[in-house]
């Protein structure tokens, strides 16, 4: 599955998906993002209070602000949009 296809499953047109990726939007494979959650939070300088919002996103599979989540055939992808 390509990043463009994943963004399109999140409701983007192909041209919107291409624009988002050009602007820096990142698609994370779900298992990797969940496994390395602490490392990502450290790298991005996210404090403990804000981490709870991201943890809730993972637990409930409900996107945080400026994020998207795509689930298909047992796989999950997290999309960090750069708007």
Protein backbone atom coordinates (compact mmCIF):
# COMPACT_ATOMS: atom_id res chain seq x y z
CA UNK A 1 0.00 0.00 0.00
CA UNK A 2 1.48 3.38 -0.97
CA UNK A 3 1.26 6.54 1.11
CA UNK A 4 -0.93 8.10 -1.59
CA UNK A 5 -3.36 5.16 -1.42
CA UNK A 6 -3.50 5.42 2.38
CA UNK A 7 -4.21 9.16 2.24
CA UNK A 8 -6.92 8.50 -0.34
CA UNK A 9 -8.51 5.97 2.04
CA UNK A 10 -8.54 8.80 4.60
CA UNK A 11 -10.66 10.88 2.23
CA UNK A 12 -8.09 12.76 0.15
CA UNK A 13 -8.18 12.98 -3.62
CA UNK A 14 -5.02 11.84 -5.38
CA UNK A 15 -3.92 15.45 -5.97
CA UNK A 16 -4.62 16.36 -2.32
CA UNK A 17 -2.63 13.32 -1.17
CA UNK A 18 0.31 14.30 -3.38
CA UNK A 19 0.17 17.88 -2.03
CA UNK A 20 0.05 16.68 1.60
CA UNK A 21 3.07 14.42 1.07
CA UNK A 22 4.97 17.24 -0.65
CA UNK A 23 4.23 19.47 2.36
CA UNK A 24 5.67 16.90 4.79
CA UNK A 25 2.73 14.74 5.84
CA UNK A 26 4.00 11.43 7.22
CA UNK A 27 2.32 8.03 7.13
CA UNK A 28 3.33 5.66 9.95
CA UNK A 29 2.74 1.91 9.83
CA UNK A 30 0.63 1.17 12.91
CA UNK A 31 2.73 -1.54 14.55
CA UNK A 32 5.91 0.53 14.16
CA UNK A 33 4.29 3.68 15.55
CA UNK A 34 2.81 1.82 18.51
CA UNK A 35 6.02 -0.11 19.24
CA UNK A 36 8.22 3.00 19.11
CA UNK A 37 5.67 5.39 20.60
CA UNK A 38 7.97 6.58 23.40
CA UNK A 39 10.86 7.19 21.01
CA UNK A 40 8.66 9.27 18.69
CA UNK A 41 7.33 11.31 21.61
CA UNK A 42 10.88 11.92 22.89
CA UNK A 43 12.10 12.88 19.42
CA UNK A 44 9.26 15.34 18.94
CA UNK A 45 9.64 16.81 22.45
CA UNK A 46 6.10 15.90 23.51
CA UNK A 47 5.55 16.35 27.25
CA UNK A 48 3.70 13.86 29.45
CA UNK A 49 0.39 15.75 29.35
CA UNK A 50 0.34 15.83 25.55
CA UNK A 51 1.43 12.19 25.29
CA UNK A 52 -1.87 11.19 26.87
CA UNK A 53 -3.73 12.60 23.83
CA UNK A 54 -1.59 10.55 21.44
CA UNK A 55 -1.91 7.44 23.62
CA UNK A 56 -5.69 7.86 23.61
CA UNK A 57 -5.56 8.12 19.81
CA UNK A 58 -3.83 4.73 19.66
CA UNK A 59 -6.09 3.08 22.24
CA UNK A 60 -9.39 4.33 20.80
CA UNK A 61 -8.29 4.52 17.14
CA UNK A 62 -9.70 8.06 17.03
CA UNK A 63 -7.39 10.60 15.36
CA UNK A 64 -5.92 13.46 17.36
CA UNK A 65 -5.98 16.98 15.90
CA UNK A 66 -4.23 17.11 12.50
CA UNK A 67 -3.93 13.30 12.39
CA UNK A 68 -5.74 10.62 10.46
CA UNK A 69 -6.12 6.88 11.01
CA UNK A 70 -6.75 4.31 8.32
CA UNK A 71 -7.61 0.70 9.10
CA UNK A 72 -7.87 -1.96 6.43
CA UNK A 73 -7.60 -5.73 6.42
CA UNK A 74 -6.32 -5.83 10.00
CA UNK A 75 -3.64 -3.18 9.45
CA UNK A 76 -3.53 0.35 10.83
CA UNK A 77 -1.75 3.44 9.57
CA UNK A 78 -1.39 6.74 11.42
CA UNK A 79 -1.17 9.90 9.34
CA UNK A 80 0.51 13.01 10.74
CA UNK A 81 -0.74 15.78 8.46
CA UNK A 82 1.28 18.89 7.76
CA UNK A 83 -1.34 21.47 6.79
